[in-house]
C-alpha atoms as a PDB file:
ATOM      1  CA  UNK A   1     105.550 126.232 102.782  1.00  0.00           C
ATOM      2  CA  UNK A   2     106.915 125.210  99.386  1.00  0.00           C
ATOM      3  CA  UNK A   3     110.508 125.765  98.353  1.00  0.00           C
ATOM      4  CA  UNK A   4     109.477 128.538  95.987  1.00  0.00           C
ATOM      5  CA  UNK A   5     107.472 130.292  98.705  1.00  0.00           C
ATOM      6  CA  UNK A   6     110.349 129.950 101.157  1.00  0.00           C
ATOM      7  CA  UNK A   7     112.813 131.432  98.660  1.00  0.00           C
ATOM      8  CA  UNK A   8     110.470 134.407  98.141  1.00  0.00           C
ATOM      9  CA  UNK A   9     110.266 134.842 101.924  1.00  0.00           C
ATOM     10  CA  UNK A  10     114.098 134.911 102.212  1.00  0.00           C
ATOM     11  CA  UNK A  11     114.312 137.400  99.332  1.00  0.00           C
ATOM     12  CA  UNK A  12     111.775 139.617 101.105  1.00  0.00           C
ATOM     13  CA  UNK A  13     113.796 139.456 104.325  1.00  0.00           C
ATOM     14  CA  UNK A  14     116.929 140.528 102.463  1.00  0.00           C
ATOM     15  CA  UNK A  15     115.120 143.424 100.799  1.00  0.00           C
ATOM     16  CA  UNK A  16     113.749 144.455 104.192  1.00  0.00           C
ATOM     17  CA  UNK A  17     117.266 144.886 105.554  1.00  0.00           C
ATOM     18  CA  UNK A  18     117.722 148.013 103.406  1.00  0.00           C
ATOM     19  CA  UNK A  19     121.337 147.189 102.682  1.00  0.00           C
ATOM     20  CA  UNK A  20     123.518 149.477 100.581  1.00  0.00           C
ATOM     21  CA  UNK A  21     123.380 148.072  97.027  1.00  0.00           C
ATOM     22  CA  UNK A  22     126.996 149.098  96.326  1.00  0.00           C
ATOM     23  CA  UNK A  23     128.554 147.030  99.127  1.00  0.00           C
ATOM     24  CA  UNK A  24     130.112 143.684  98.142  1.00  0.00           C
ATOM     25  CA  UNK A  25     128.237 141.889 100.931  1.00  0.00           C
ATOM     26  CA  UNK A  26     124.899 143.070  99.541  1.00  0.00           C
ATOM     27  CA  UNK A  27     125.846 141.885  96.052  1.00  0.00           C
ATOM     28  CA  UNK A  28     126.707 138.437  97.441  1.00  0.00           C
ATOM     29  CA  UNK A  29     123.446 138.239  99.403  1.00  0.00           C
ATOM     30  CA  UNK A  30     121.416 139.306  96.358  1.00  0.00           C
ATOM     31  CA  UNK A  31     123.224 136.760  94.161  1.00  0.00           C
ATOM     32  CA  UNK A  32     122.533 134.019  96.718  1.00  0.00           C
ATOM     33  CA  UNK A  33     118.858 135.003  96.858  1.00  0.00           C
ATOM     34  CA  UNK A  34     118.721 134.865  93.055  1.00  0.00           C
ATOM     35  CA  UNK A  35     120.267 131.416  92.872  1.00  0.00           C
ATOM     36  CA  UNK A  36     117.956 130.156  95.641  1.00  0.00           C
ATOM     37  CA  UNK A  37     114.956 131.448  93.706  1.00  0.00           C
ATOM     38  CA  UNK A  38     116.192 129.806  90.494  1.00  0.00           C
ATOM     39  CA  UNK A  39     116.870 126.496  92.270  1.00  0.00           C
ATOM     40  CA  UNK A  40     113.431 126.583  93.891  1.00  0.00           C
ATOM     41  CA  UNK A  41     111.829 126.986  90.464  1.00  0.00           C
ATOM     42  CA  UNK A  42     113.831 124.119  89.021  1.00  0.00           C
ATOM     43  CA  UNK A  43     112.998 121.896  92.004  1.00  0.00           C
ATOM     44  CA  UNK A  44     109.313 122.582  91.461  1.00  0.00           C
ATOM     45  CA  UNK A  45     109.613 121.619  87.785  1.00  0.00           C
ATOM     46  CA  UNK A  46     111.493 118.434  88.732  1.00  0.00           C
ATOM     47  CA  UNK A  47     108.808 117.521  91.272  1.00  0.00           C
ATOM     48  CA  UNK A  48     106.106 117.967  88.634  1.00  0.00           C
ATOM     49  CA  UNK A  49     108.072 115.902  86.105  1.00  0.00           C
ATOM     50  CA  UNK A  50     108.725 113.181  88.679  1.00  0.00           C
ATOM     51  CA  UNK A  51     105.036 112.967  89.570  1.00  0.00           C
ATOM     52  CA  UNK A  52     104.104 112.762  85.892  1.00  0.00           C
ATOM     53  CA  UNK A  53     106.709 110.021  85.260  1.00  0.00           C
ATOM     54  CA  UNK A  54     105.577 108.127  88.351  1.00  0.00           C
ATOM     55  CA  UNK A  55     101.981 108.172  87.115  1.00  0.00           C
ATOM     56  CA  UNK A  56     103.131 107.085  83.658  1.00  0.00           C
ATOM     57  CA  UNK A  57     105.156 104.192  85.102  1.00  0.00           C
ATOM     58  CA  UNK A  58     102.120 103.079  87.112  1.00  0.00           C
ATOM     59  CA  UNK A  59     100.055 103.013  83.901  1.00  0.00           C
ATOM     60  CA  UNK A  60     102.751 101.026  82.093  1.00  0.00           C
ATOM     61  CA  UNK A  61     102.927  98.579  85.006  1.00  0.00           C
ATOM     62  CA  UNK A  62      99.162  98.057  84.872  1.00  0.00           C
ATOM     63  CA  UNK A  63      99.286  97.551  81.094  1.00  0.00           C
ATOM     64  CA  UNK A  64     102.167  95.100  81.473  1.00  0.00           C
ATOM     65  CA  UNK A  65     100.180  93.186  84.063  1.00  0.00           C
ATOM     66  CA  UNK A  66      97.303  92.885  81.605  1.00  0.00           C
ATOM     67  CA  UNK A  67      99.672  91.658  78.877  1.00  0.00           C
ATOM     68  CA  UNK A  68     101.221  89.124  81.266  1.00  0.00           C
ATOM     69  CA  UNK A  69      97.759  87.805  82.110  1.00  0.00           C
ATOM     70  CA  UNK A  70      97.043  87.342  78.407  1.00  0.00           C
ATOM     71  CA  UNK A  71     100.370  85.645  77.655  1.00  0.00           C
ATOM     72  CA  UNK A  72     100.732  83.498  80.743  1.00  0.00           C
ATOM     73  CA  UNK A  73      97.094  82.614  81.376  1.00  0.00           C
ATOM     74  CA  UNK A  74      96.976  79.024  82.620  1.00  0.00           C
ATOM     75  CA  UNK A  75      93.510  78.481  81.142  1.00  0.00           C
ATOM     76  CA  UNK A  76      94.346  78.976  77.477  1.00  0.00           C
ATOM     77  CA  UNK A  77      91.512  78.852  74.927  1.00  0.00           C
ATOM     78  CA  UNK A  78      93.691  78.255  71.868  1.00  0.00           C
ATOM     79  CA  UNK A  79      93.206  74.437  71.677  1.00  0.00           C
ATOM     80  CA  UNK A  80      96.928  73.806  71.007  1.00  0.00           C
ATOM     81  CA  UNK A  81      96.949  76.015  67.903  1.00  0.00           C
ATOM     82  CA  UNK A  82     100.381  76.025  66.186  1.00  0.00           C
ATOM     83  CA  UNK A  83     100.390  79.838  66.051  1.00  0.00           C
ATOM     84  CA  UNK A  84      99.856  80.168  69.824  1.00  0.00           C
ATOM     85  CA  UNK A  85     102.774  81.527  71.862  1.00  0.00           C
ATOM     86  CA  UNK A  86     101.280  80.939  75.286  1.00  0.00           C
ATOM     87  CA  UNK A  87     101.842  78.192  77.847  1.00  0.00           C
ATOM     88  CA  UNK A  88     100.377  75.366  75.754  1.00  0.00           C
ATOM     89  CA  UNK A  89     103.190  75.257  73.192  1.00  0.00           C
ATOM     90  CA  UNK A  90     104.760  72.006  72.025  1.00  0.00           C
ATOM     91  CA  UNK A  91     106.694  70.448  74.919  1.00  0.00           C
ATOM     92  CA  UNK A  92     109.053  68.554  72.565  1.00  0.00           C
ATOM     93  CA  UNK A  93     110.489  71.826  71.278  1.00  0.00           C
ATOM     94  CA  UNK A  94     111.174  72.969  74.843  1.00  0.00           C
ATOM     95  CA  UNK A  95     113.194  69.806  75.505  1.00  0.00           C
ATOM     96  CA  UNK A  96     115.381  70.472  72.457  1.00  0.00           C
ATOM     97  CA  UNK A  97     116.004  74.038  73.611  1.00  0.00           C
ATOM     98  CA  UNK A  98     117.048  72.790  77.041  1.00  0.00           C
ATOM     99  CA  UNK A  99     119.708  70.538  75.477  1.00  0.00           C
ATOM    100  CA  UNK A 100     121.144  73.463  73.523  1.00  0.00           C
ATOM    101  CA  UNK A 101     121.343  75.603  76.658  1.00  0.00           C
ATOM    102  CA  UNK A 102     123.662  73.071  78.342  1.00  0.00           C
ATOM    103  CA  UNK A 103     126.555  74.016  76.033  1.00  0.00           C
ATOM    104  CA  UNK A 104     129.253  76.032  77.775  1.00  0.00           C
ATOM    105  CA  UNK A 105     130.981  78.872  75.974  1.00  0.00           C
ATOM    106  CA  UNK A 106     134.503  80.181  76.564  1.00  0.00           C
ATOM    107  CA  UNK A 107     136.450  83.285  75.682  1.00  0.00           C
ATOM    108  CA  UNK A 108     140.221  83.402  75.210  1.00  0.00           C
ATOM    109  CA  UNK A 109     142.650  86.139  74.203  1.00  0.00           C
ATOM    110  CA  UNK A 110     144.830  85.466  71.194  1.00  0.00           C
ATOM    111  CA  UNK A 111     148.478  85.577  72.369  1.00  0.00           C
ATOM    112  CA  UNK A 112     149.538  87.046  69.017  1.00  0.00           C
ATOM    113  CA  UNK A 113     147.092  89.864  68.309  1.00  0.00           C
ATOM    114  CA  UNK A 114     145.163  90.167  71.608  1.00  0.00           C
ATOM    115  CA  UNK A 115     141.779  89.681  69.928  1.00  0.00           C
ATOM    116  CA  UNK A 116     139.036  87.823  71.815  1.00  0.00           C
ATOM    117  CA  UNK A 117     138.165  84.358  70.490  1.00  0.00           C
ATOM    118  CA  UNK A 118     134.906  82.691  71.531  1.00  0.00           C
ATOM    119  CA  UNK A 119     134.318  78.936  71.358  1.00  0.00           C
ATOM    120  CA  UNK A 120     132.160  76.266  72.955  1.00  0.00           C
ATOM    121  CA  UNK A 121     133.028  73.082  74.813  1.00  0.00           C
ATOM    122  CA  UNK A 122     132.719  70.926  71.682  1.00  0.00           C
ATOM    123  CA  UNK A 123     135.917  72.410  70.221  1.00  0.00           C
ATOM    124  CA  UNK A 124     139.462  71.599  71.289  1.00  0.00           C
ATOM    125  CA  UNK A 125     141.275  74.906  71.989  1.00  0.00           C
ATOM    126  CA  UNK A 126     144.447  73.531  70.388  1.00  0.00           C
ATOM    127  CA  UNK A 127     142.621  73.251  67.051  1.00  0.00           C
ATOM    128  CA  UNK A 128     141.420  76.874  66.996  1.00  0.00           C
ATOM    129  CA  UNK A 129     142.936  79.510  64.711  1.00  0.00           C
ATOM    130  CA  UNK A 130     142.389  83.155  65.621  1.00  0.00           C
ATOM    131  CA  UNK A 131     139.950  84.651  63.112  1.00  0.00           C
ATOM    132  CA  UNK A 132     141.846  87.946  63.138  1.00  0.00           C
ATOM    133  CA  UNK A 133     145.458  86.837  62.607  1.00  0.00           C
ATOM    134  CA  UNK A 134     144.992  83.182  61.531  1.00  0.00           C
ATOM    135  CA  UNK A 135     147.553  81.970  64.093  1.00  0.00           C
ATOM    136  CA  UNK A 136     146.906  79.118  66.544  1.00  0.00           C
ATOM    137  CA  UNK A 137     145.203  80.110  69.789  1.00  0.00           C
ATOM    138  CA  UNK A 138     147.340  77.646  71.770  1.00  0.00           C
ATOM    139  CA  UNK A 139     151.000  77.375  70.840  1.00  0.00           C
ATOM    140  CA  UNK A 140     152.737  74.007  70.973  1.00  0.00           C
ATOM    141  CA  UNK A 141     155.135  73.725  73.887  1.00  0.00           C
ATOM    142  CA  UNK A 142     157.878  72.524  71.539  1.00  0.00           C
ATOM    143  CA  UNK A 143     157.623  75.662  69.374  1.00  0.00           C
ATOM    144  CA  UNK A 144     157.690  78.031  72.356  1.00  0.00           C
ATOM    145  CA  UNK A 145     160.734  76.243  73.813  1.00  0.00           C
ATOM    146  CA  UNK A 146     162.654  76.730  70.543  1.00  0.00           C
ATOM    147  CA  UNK A 147     162.163  80.498  70.697  1.00  0.00           C
END
């Protein structure tokens, strides 16, 4: 029995009780039956939508699999064409990219304005000026002792 059918069954049971429509208990029971019926309808719509989305996701997954096979095919027929973006690309370029990825990046808060300052490991933090307030990121110990 579906949720909608079950809600109709409960509504029929309540109507079969022949309750006095003016009593507060009857009004509460009728309101509960109404909300159950409404919820059952919405649940049915959600189930239909979920099934449709599930089917759509399955189609997208299949299409993505086909695209992955085209892009990552080990047996490429492009003969090392410069415009090819598959697995046979120039290995020298990959080595250069690997060197760039070894750089570490840092984030520090400016003690003056609280703005975030990003820098890499090639820069000395003592030489950095905050781009927002133009004050040094690291204060000299001598200056802070004088204050």
